[in-house]
């Protein structure tokens, strides 16, 4: 954001320069500071939102970040660049399973998919930290089970890094709201009103705790 500290902005710019060097056949995009290239046989696009002229406003947060990426994907779909009309939303601290982009027959007809998840510590955790992570995850899953038991149509967890949605559904609900937090909750609750949300049958996404 434009009100981020100088150290945060410098770190983001350093990270962009690092990835630019690591990508094979990297080329610049029309957007200032943005580029595309290959990494491990995957076409990877980086959109610069840390430079002074490209930074988010002081009241914009993760909701704005998710919407920028999703709307860029929709633009590519309109150009015929994308073969798949699903948008996957995750975070840099999430470790994705090998089957992440593979959808099964049971996913057919869904407007959004929710991936299973599990928290893990990036460093050697203390016993107190491990216990806190386990209790937090139990709380989240207990809440979902309670909604399922009550027959609620909103019986799904709402973690932004575990969501996939069709472009059709994304556009129908106006995308992610521009919120500093809770954008995943509001987005999925809108999608539930226009179509089916299913739990994806995959290995869990590992979330940094």
Protein backbone atom coordinates (compact mmCIF):
# COMPACT_ATOMS: atom_id res chain seq x y z
CA UNK A 1 0.00 0.00 0.00
CA UNK A 2 1.03 3.60 -0.43
CA UNK A 3 1.28 3.97 3.36
CA UNK A 4 3.56 0.93 3.79
CA UNK A 5 6.94 1.40 5.39
CA UNK A 6 9.96 2.04 3.20
CA UNK A 7 11.46 -1.29 4.30
CA UNK A 8 8.34 -3.20 3.20
CA UNK A 9 8.30 -1.48 -0.19
CA UNK A 10 12.02 -2.13 -0.70
CA UNK A 11 11.56 -5.79 0.22
CA UNK A 12 8.74 -6.20 -2.32
CA UNK A 13 10.78 -4.51 -5.03
CA UNK A 14 13.76 -6.72 -4.23
CA UNK A 15 11.52 -9.79 -4.49
CA UNK A 16 10.26 -8.69 -7.92
CA UNK A 17 13.84 -8.24 -9.15
CA UNK A 18 14.76 -11.69 -7.81
CA UNK A 19 11.90 -13.37 -9.65
CA UNK A 20 12.63 -11.48 -12.83
CA UNK A 21 16.11 -13.03 -12.83
CA UNK A 22 14.82 -16.53 -12.05
CA UNK A 23 12.18 -16.71 -14.77
CA UNK A 24 13.09 -18.17 -18.13
CA UNK A 25 12.20 -16.18 -21.26
CA UNK A 26 10.87 -13.34 -19.13
CA UNK A 27 9.26 -10.41 -20.93
CA UNK A 28 7.73 -7.17 -19.72
CA UNK A 29 3.98 -6.57 -19.84
CA UNK A 30 2.23 -3.35 -20.79
CA UNK A 31 1.60 -2.69 -17.10
CA UNK A 32 4.48 -0.79 -15.44
CA UNK A 33 6.85 -3.08 -13.57
CA UNK A 34 4.91 -6.24 -14.45
CA UNK A 35 6.36 -9.22 -16.31
CA UNK A 36 5.74 -12.81 -17.37
CA UNK A 37 7.99 -15.84 -17.80
CA UNK A 38 8.37 -19.56 -17.23
CA UNK A 39 9.12 -21.26 -13.92
CA UNK A 40 9.11 -25.07 -13.57
CA UNK A 41 7.05 -25.41 -16.77
CA UNK A 42 4.42 -22.99 -15.44
CA UNK A 43 3.71 -19.61 -17.04
CA UNK A 44 4.07 -17.15 -14.17
CA UNK A 45 2.90 -13.53 -14.17
CA UNK A 46 3.96 -10.91 -11.65
CA UNK A 47 1.89 -7.74 -11.25
CA UNK A 48 3.74 -4.90 -9.55
CA UNK A 49 1.62 -3.28 -6.84
CA UNK A 50 4.44 -2.00 -4.66
CA UNK A 51 5.90 0.74 -6.87
CA UNK A 52 4.87 4.26 -5.94
CA UNK A 53 2.49 4.81 -8.87
CA UNK A 54 1.03 1.28 -8.69
CA UNK A 55 0.55 0.90 -4.93
CA UNK A 56 -2.84 0.32 -3.30
CA UNK A 57 -4.56 3.11 -1.44
CA UNK A 58 -4.33 3.42 2.37
CA UNK A 59 -7.72 1.73 2.91
CA UNK A 60 -7.20 -1.07 0.40
CA UNK A 61 -6.16 -4.51 1.57
CA UNK A 62 -6.20 -8.17 0.68
CA UNK A 63 -9.61 -7.88 -0.97
CA UNK A 64 -8.16 -5.46 -3.49
CA UNK A 65 -5.12 -7.68 -4.03
CA UNK A 66 -7.27 -10.73 -4.80
CA UNK A 67 -9.54 -8.76 -7.13
CA UNK A 68 -6.56 -7.40 -9.13
CA UNK A 69 -5.31 -10.92 -9.81
CA UNK A 70 -8.77 -12.29 -10.61
CA UNK A 71 -9.67 -9.45 -12.95
CA UNK A 72 -6.36 -9.86 -14.77
CA UNK A 73 -7.18 -13.55 -15.25
CA UNK A 74 -10.61 -12.61 -16.63
CA UNK A 75 -8.93 -10.25 -19.09
CA UNK A 76 -6.73 -13.11 -20.29
CA UNK A 77 -9.80 -15.32 -20.67
CA UNK A 78 -11.51 -12.71 -22.83
CA UNK A 79 -8.44 -12.63 -25.05
CA UNK A 80 -8.59 -16.40 -25.44
CA UNK A 81 -5.28 -16.88 -23.63
CA UNK A 82 -6.67 -19.16 -20.92
CA UNK A 83 -7.85 -22.69 -21.60
CA UNK A 84 -9.54 -23.03 -18.21
CA UNK A 85 -12.21 -20.64 -16.94
CA UNK A 86 -11.57 -21.30 -13.27
CA UNK A 87 -9.81 -18.80 -11.00
CA UNK A 88 -7.75 -20.09 -8.06
CA UNK A 89 -7.10 -17.84 -5.08
CA UNK A 90 -4.27 -18.62 -2.68
CA UNK A 91 -1.45 -16.93 -0.76
CA UNK A 92 2.33 -16.95 -0.88
CA UNK A 93 2.60 -18.77 2.47
CA UNK A 94 0.38 -21.67 1.32
CA UNK A 95 1.90 -24.93 0.08
CA UNK A 96 -0.31 -26.40 -2.64
CA UNK A 97 -0.80 -30.15 -3.26
CA UNK A 98 0.34 -31.66 -6.57
CA UNK A 99 -3.30 -32.20 -7.58
CA UNK A 100 -4.25 -28.56 -6.98
CA UNK A 101 -5.26 -27.79 -10.58
CA UNK A 102 -6.92 -31.16 -11.24
CA UNK A 103 -10.70 -31.20 -10.86
CA UNK A 104 -12.66 -34.42 -10.52
CA UNK A 105 -16.08 -35.45 -11.77
CA UNK A 106 -17.52 -34.64 -8.36
CA UNK A 107 -16.64 -30.98 -8.95
CA UNK A 108 -18.78 -30.76 -12.08
CA UNK A 109 -21.56 -28.19 -11.79
CA UNK A 110 -19.99 -26.32 -8.89
CA UNK A 111 -19.55 -22.56 -9.02
CA UNK A 112 -16.84 -22.60 -6.36
CA UNK A 113 -14.58 -25.13 -4.69
CA UNK A 114 -13.23 -25.05 -1.16
CA UNK A 115 -9.97 -26.92 -0.62
CA UNK A 116 -9.19 -28.76 2.60
CA UNK A 117 -6.41 -27.22 4.66
CA UNK A 118 -4.07 -27.86 7.54
CA UNK A 119 -1.90 -25.42 9.44
CA UNK A 120 1.80 -26.02 9.81
CA UNK A 121 4.65 -24.07 11.35
CA UNK A 122 7.42 -22.93 9.02
CA UNK A 123 9.99 -23.17 11.79
CA UNK A 124 10.36 -25.66 14.63
CA UNK A 125 7.33 -24.81 16.75
CA UNK A 126 7.16 -24.65 20.51
CA UNK A 127 4.66 -26.93 22.22
CA UNK A 128 2.56 -23.87 23.09
CA UNK A 129 2.52 -22.68 19.49
CA UNK A 130 1.58 -26.14 18.20
CA UNK A 131 -1.24 -26.35 20.70
CA UNK A 132 -2.51 -22.89 19.79
CA UNK A 133 -2.53 -23.75 16.07
CA UNK A 134 -4.35 -27.01 16.70
CA UNK A 135 -7.00 -25.33 18.85
CA UNK A 136 -7.53 -22.59 16.29
CA UNK A 137 -7.97 -25.10 13.47
CA UNK A 138 -10.36 -27.17 15.57
CA UNK A 139 -12.42 -24.05 16.25
CA UNK A 140 -12.70 -23.27 12.54
CA UNK A 141 -13.72 -26.82 11.64
CA UNK A 142 -16.12 -27.10 14.59
CA UNK A 143 -17.88 -23.97 13.35
CA UNK A 144 -18.24 -25.49 9.88
CA UNK A 145 -19.56 -28.77 11.31
CA UNK A 146 -22.10 -26.84 13.36
CA UNK A 147 -23.39 -25.08 10.27
CA UNK A 148 -23.58 -28.41 8.43
CA UNK A 149 -25.51 -29.99 11.31
CA UNK A 150 -28.00 -27.12 11.32
CA UNK A 151 -28.60 -27.46 7.58
CA UNK A 152 -27.20 -24.02 6.75
CA UNK A 153 -26.53 -23.31 3.04
CA UNK A 154 -23.36 -21.52 4.21
CA UNK A 155 -21.69 -24.58 5.73
CA UNK A 156 -18.18 -24.05 4.40
CA UNK A 157 -15.01 -22.47 5.68
CA UNK A 158 -14.03 -19.10 4.27
CA UNK A 159 -10.24 -18.93 3.99
CA UNK A 160 -9.11 -16.88 0.99
CA UNK A 161 -6.12 -19.09 0.19
CA UNK A 162 -8.33 -22.18 -0.26
CA UNK A 163 -10.89 -20.90 -2.80
CA UNK A 164 -11.43 -21.60 -6.49
CA UNK A 165 -14.32 -20.16 -8.49
CA UNK A 166 -15.60 -20.05 -12.04
CA UNK A 167 -15.23 -16.79 -13.92
CA UNK A 168 -18.99 -16.85 -14.45
CA UNK A 169 -19.70 -16.93 -10.71
CA UNK A 170 -17.00 -14.37 -9.95
CA UNK A 171 -18.53 -11.86 -12.34
CA UNK A 172 -22.08 -12.63 -11.25
CA UNK A 173 -21.36 -11.52 -7.67
CA UNK A 174 -19.05 -8.63 -8.51
CA UNK A 175 -15.83 -10.29 -7.38
CA UNK A 176 -14.00 -9.89 -4.09
CA UNK A 177 -15.06 -6.84 -2.08
CA UNK A 178 -12.42 -4.19 -1.45
CA UNK A 179 -11.91 -4.96 2.23
CA UNK A 180 -8.80 -5.13 4.37
CA UNK A 181 -10.03 -8.45 5.81
CA UNK A 182 -13.04 -10.76 5.53
CA UNK A 183 -13.19 -10.48 1.75
CA UNK A 184 -13.27 -14.29 1.45
CA UNK A 185 -16.28 -14.57 3.78
CA UNK A 186 -18.34 -11.96 1.92
CA UNK A 187 -17.35 -13.32 -1.50
CA UNK A 188 -18.33 -16.92 -0.78
CA UNK A 189 -21.59 -15.92 0.85
CA UNK A 190 -22.52 -14.11 -2.36
CA UNK A 191 -21.47 -17.07 -4.53
CA UNK A 192 -23.65 -19.40 -2.43
CA UNK A 193 -26.66 -17.37 -3.57
CA UNK A 194 -25.97 -17.96 -7.28
CA UNK A 195 -24.66 -21.51 -7.39
CA UNK A 196 -23.29 -24.61 -5.74
CA UNK A 197 -20.19 -24.52 -3.52
CA UNK A 198 -18.46 -27.86 -2.99
CA UNK A 199 -15.55 -29.13 -0.93
CA UNK A 200 -12.74 -30.22 -3.24
CA UNK A 201 -11.56 -33.82 -2.85
CA UNK A 202 -7.84 -33.07 -2.65
CA UNK A 203 -4.94 -33.40 -0.30
CA UNK A 204 -4.95 -30.40 2.06
CA UNK A 205 -3.34 -27.05 1.36
CA UNK A 206 -0.71 -26.44 4.03
CA UNK A 207 -1.09 -22.99 5.59
CA UNK A 208 1.73 -21.31 7.46
CA UNK A 209 0.89 -20.80 11.11
